[in-house]
Amino acid sequence: MDLEVICTPLALEADQNAAAEAFETIATAPPGTSLLTHPGLPFTMGIIDDVLIIAGFDQNTSLPAVALTTTDPDARKWADELYRRYKAEADAVDESSA
């Protein structure tokens, strides 16, 4: 399974605080896994196989406020295009960030 995730800095911080061990597992995962962060991204987005996951986080609490999953091909196409734009400017998250 390939896993690509691009998230907001707020979501990244929330993930690190909520589950440090799980976060480290993702950040140090083998090839085929990409974890990136971008300050301009309005939501966190993950593409896992054919599933698109979008999540929004509360600015005050860092808790998830909304989430969406879909396998709709049009949504996946939109997400792929958006992902490519943000990925070009994103910072990779690695073991030293964990």
C-alpha atoms as a PDB file:
ATOM      1  CA  MET A   1       0.000   0.000   0.000  1.00  0.00           C
ATOM      2  CA  ASP A   2       1.289   3.442  -0.912  1.00  0.00           C
ATOM      3  CA  LEU A   3       0.534   6.235   1.525  1.00  0.00           C
ATOM      4  CA  GLU A   4       0.835   9.933   0.796  1.00  0.00           C
ATOM      5  CA  VAL A   5      -0.239  12.538   3.326  1.00  0.00           C
ATOM      6  CA  ILE A   6       0.070  16.310   3.195  1.00  0.00           C
ATOM      7  CA  CYS A   7      -1.153  18.145   6.248  1.00  0.00           C
ATOM      8  CA  THR A   8      -1.308  21.555   7.813  1.00  0.00           C
ATOM      9  CA  PRO A   9       1.266  22.376  10.497  1.00  0.00           C
ATOM     10  CA  LEU A  10      -1.605  22.448  13.030  1.00  0.00           C
ATOM     11  CA  ALA A  11      -2.664  18.907  12.106  1.00  0.00           C
ATOM     12  CA  LEU A  12       0.945  17.748  12.203  1.00  0.00           C
ATOM     13  CA  GLU A  13       1.337  19.152  15.718  1.00  0.00           C
ATOM     14  CA  ALA A  14      -1.934  17.553  16.827  1.00  0.00           C
ATOM     15  CA  ASP A  15      -0.838  14.181  15.458  1.00  0.00           C
ATOM     16  CA  GLN A  16       2.534  14.404  17.179  1.00  0.00           C
ATOM     17  CA  ASN A  17       0.930  15.314  20.507  1.00  0.00           C
ATOM     18  CA  ALA A  18      -1.881  12.755  20.319  1.00  0.00           C
ATOM     19  CA  ALA A  19       0.086   9.704  19.253  1.00  0.00           C
ATOM     20  CA  ALA A  20       3.830  10.301  19.229  1.00  0.00           C
ATOM     21  CA  GLU A  21       4.687   6.631  18.667  1.00  0.00           C
ATOM     22  CA  ALA A  22       2.256   6.238  15.773  1.00  0.00           C
ATOM     23  CA  PHE A  23       3.482   9.509  14.274  1.00  0.00           C
ATOM     24  CA  GLU A  24       7.100   8.339  14.434  1.00  0.00           C
ATOM     25  CA  THR A  25       6.115   5.084  12.706  1.00  0.00           C
ATOM     26  CA  ILE A  26       4.627   7.038   9.793  1.00  0.00           C
ATOM     27  CA  ALA A  27       7.458   9.592   9.658  1.00  0.00           C
ATOM     28  CA  THR A  28      10.068   6.834   9.431  1.00  0.00           C
ATOM     29  CA  ALA A  29       8.075   4.485   7.170  1.00  0.00           C
ATOM     30  CA  PRO A  30       9.654   2.726   4.205  1.00  0.00           C
ATOM     31  CA  PRO A  31       9.639   3.981   0.598  1.00  0.00           C
ATOM     32  CA  GLY A  32       6.148   4.472  -0.809  1.00  0.00           C
ATOM     33  CA  THR A  33       5.184   6.626   2.184  1.00  0.00           C
ATOM     34  CA  SER A  34       5.207  10.415   1.977  1.00  0.00           C
ATOM     35  CA  LEU A  35       4.410  12.716   4.898  1.00  0.00           C
ATOM     36  CA  LEU A  36       4.555  16.403   4.081  1.00  0.00           C
ATOM     37  CA  THR A  37       3.410  19.665   5.610  1.00  0.00           C
ATOM     38  CA  HIS A  38       2.508  23.019   4.032  1.00  0.00           C
ATOM     39  CA  PRO A  39       1.437  26.144   5.957  1.00  0.00           C
ATOM     40  CA  GLY A  40      -0.921  27.334   3.196  1.00  0.00           C
ATOM     41  CA  LEU A  41      -2.945  24.140   2.968  1.00  0.00           C
ATOM     42  CA  PRO A  42      -6.490  24.816   4.239  1.00  0.00           C
ATOM     43  CA  PHE A  43      -7.026  21.195   5.323  1.00  0.00           C
ATOM     44  CA  THR A  44      -5.202  17.905   5.747  1.00  0.00           C
ATOM     45  CA  MET A  45      -5.452  15.515   2.844  1.00  0.00           C
ATOM     46  CA  GLY A  46      -4.471  11.885   2.524  1.00  0.00           C
ATOM     47  CA  ILE A  47      -4.610   9.602  -0.477  1.00  0.00           C
ATOM     48  CA  ILE A  48      -4.493   5.932   0.472  1.00  0.00           C
ATOM     49  CA  ASP A  49      -4.812   3.649  -2.524  1.00  0.00           C
ATOM     50  CA  ASP A  50      -8.107   4.796  -4.108  1.00  0.00           C
ATOM     51  CA  VAL A  51      -9.466   6.544  -1.005  1.00  0.00           C
ATOM     52  CA  LEU A  52      -9.306  10.310  -0.531  1.00  0.00           C
ATOM     53  CA  ILE A  53      -9.400  11.553   3.061  1.00  0.00           C
ATOM     54  CA  ILE A  54      -9.823  15.233   3.927  1.00  0.00           C
ATOM     55  CA  ALA A  55      -9.832  16.584   7.483  1.00  0.00           C
ATOM     56  CA  GLY A  56     -10.142  20.051   8.973  1.00  0.00           C
ATOM     57  CA  PHE A  57      -8.850  20.979  12.417  1.00  0.00           C
ATOM     58  CA  ASP A  58     -10.118  23.535  14.932  1.00  0.00           C
ATOM     59  CA  GLN A  59      -7.615  26.393  15.153  1.00  0.00           C
ATOM     60  CA  ASN A  60      -8.083  26.773  18.917  1.00  0.00           C
ATOM     61  CA  THR A  61      -8.053  23.163  20.095  1.00  0.00           C
ATOM     62  CA  SER A  62      -6.136  21.365  17.300  1.00  0.00           C
ATOM     63  CA  LEU A  63      -8.889  18.738  17.377  1.00  0.00           C
ATOM     64  CA  PRO A  64     -10.439  17.368  14.184  1.00  0.00           C
ATOM     65  CA  ALA A  65     -13.547  19.367  13.332  1.00  0.00           C
ATOM     66  CA  VAL A  66     -14.587  17.784  10.043  1.00  0.00           C
ATOM     67  CA  ALA A  67     -13.623  14.737   8.016  1.00  0.00           C
ATOM     68  CA  LEU A  68     -14.547  13.364   4.612  1.00  0.00           C
ATOM     69  CA  THR A  69     -13.653  10.130   2.839  1.00  0.00           C
ATOM     70  CA  THR A  70     -14.574   9.257  -0.722  1.00  0.00           C
ATOM     71  CA  THR A  71     -13.646   6.962  -3.569  1.00  0.00           C
ATOM     72  CA  ASP A  72     -15.282   9.204  -6.181  1.00  0.00           C
ATOM     73  CA  PRO A  73     -12.991   9.355  -9.255  1.00  0.00           C
ATOM     74  CA  ASP A  74     -13.673  13.073  -9.844  1.00  0.00           C
ATOM     75  CA  ALA A  75     -12.757  13.892  -6.240  1.00  0.00           C
ATOM     76  CA  ARG A  76      -9.575  11.825  -6.571  1.00  0.00           C
ATOM     77  CA  LYS A  77      -8.627  13.701  -9.772  1.00  0.00           C
ATOM     78  CA  TRP A  78      -9.199  17.049  -8.039  1.00  0.00           C
ATOM     79  CA  ALA A  79      -7.158  15.896  -5.040  1.00  0.00           C
ATOM     80  CA  ASP A  80      -4.305  14.631  -7.223  1.00  0.00           C
ATOM     81  CA  GLU A  81      -4.042  18.029  -8.926  1.00  0.00           C
ATOM     82  CA  LEU A  82      -4.234  19.907  -5.619  1.00  0.00           C
ATOM     83  CA  TYR A  83      -1.739  17.534  -4.029  1.00  0.00           C
ATOM     84  CA  ARG A  84       0.807  18.077  -6.825  1.00  0.00           C
ATOM     85  CA  ARG A  85       0.550  21.872  -6.441  1.00  0.00           C
ATOM     86  CA  TYR A  86       1.075  21.812  -2.666  1.00  0.00           C
ATOM     87  CA  LYS A  87       3.635  18.989  -2.718  1.00  0.00           C
ATOM     88  CA  ALA A  88       5.972  21.069  -4.890  1.00  0.00           C
ATOM     89  CA  GLU A  89       6.218  23.644  -2.068  1.00  0.00           C
ATOM     90  CA  ALA A  90       5.756  21.373   0.965  1.00  0.00           C
ATOM     91  CA  ASP A  91       8.327  20.411   3.567  1.00  0.00           C
ATOM     92  CA  ALA A  92       8.997  16.707   4.060  1.00  0.00           C
ATOM     93  CA  VAL A  93       8.460  15.376   7.570  1.00  0.00           C
ATOM     94  CA  ASP A  94      11.077  12.879   8.613  1.00  0.00           C
ATOM     95  CA  GLU A  95      12.562  11.230  11.667  1.00  0.00           C
ATOM     96  CA  SER A  96      14.172  14.478  12.850  1.00  0.00           C
ATOM     97  CA  SER A  97      10.731  16.166  12.775  1.00  0.00           C
ATOM     98  CA  ALA A  98       9.158  13.450  14.909  1.00  0.00           C
END
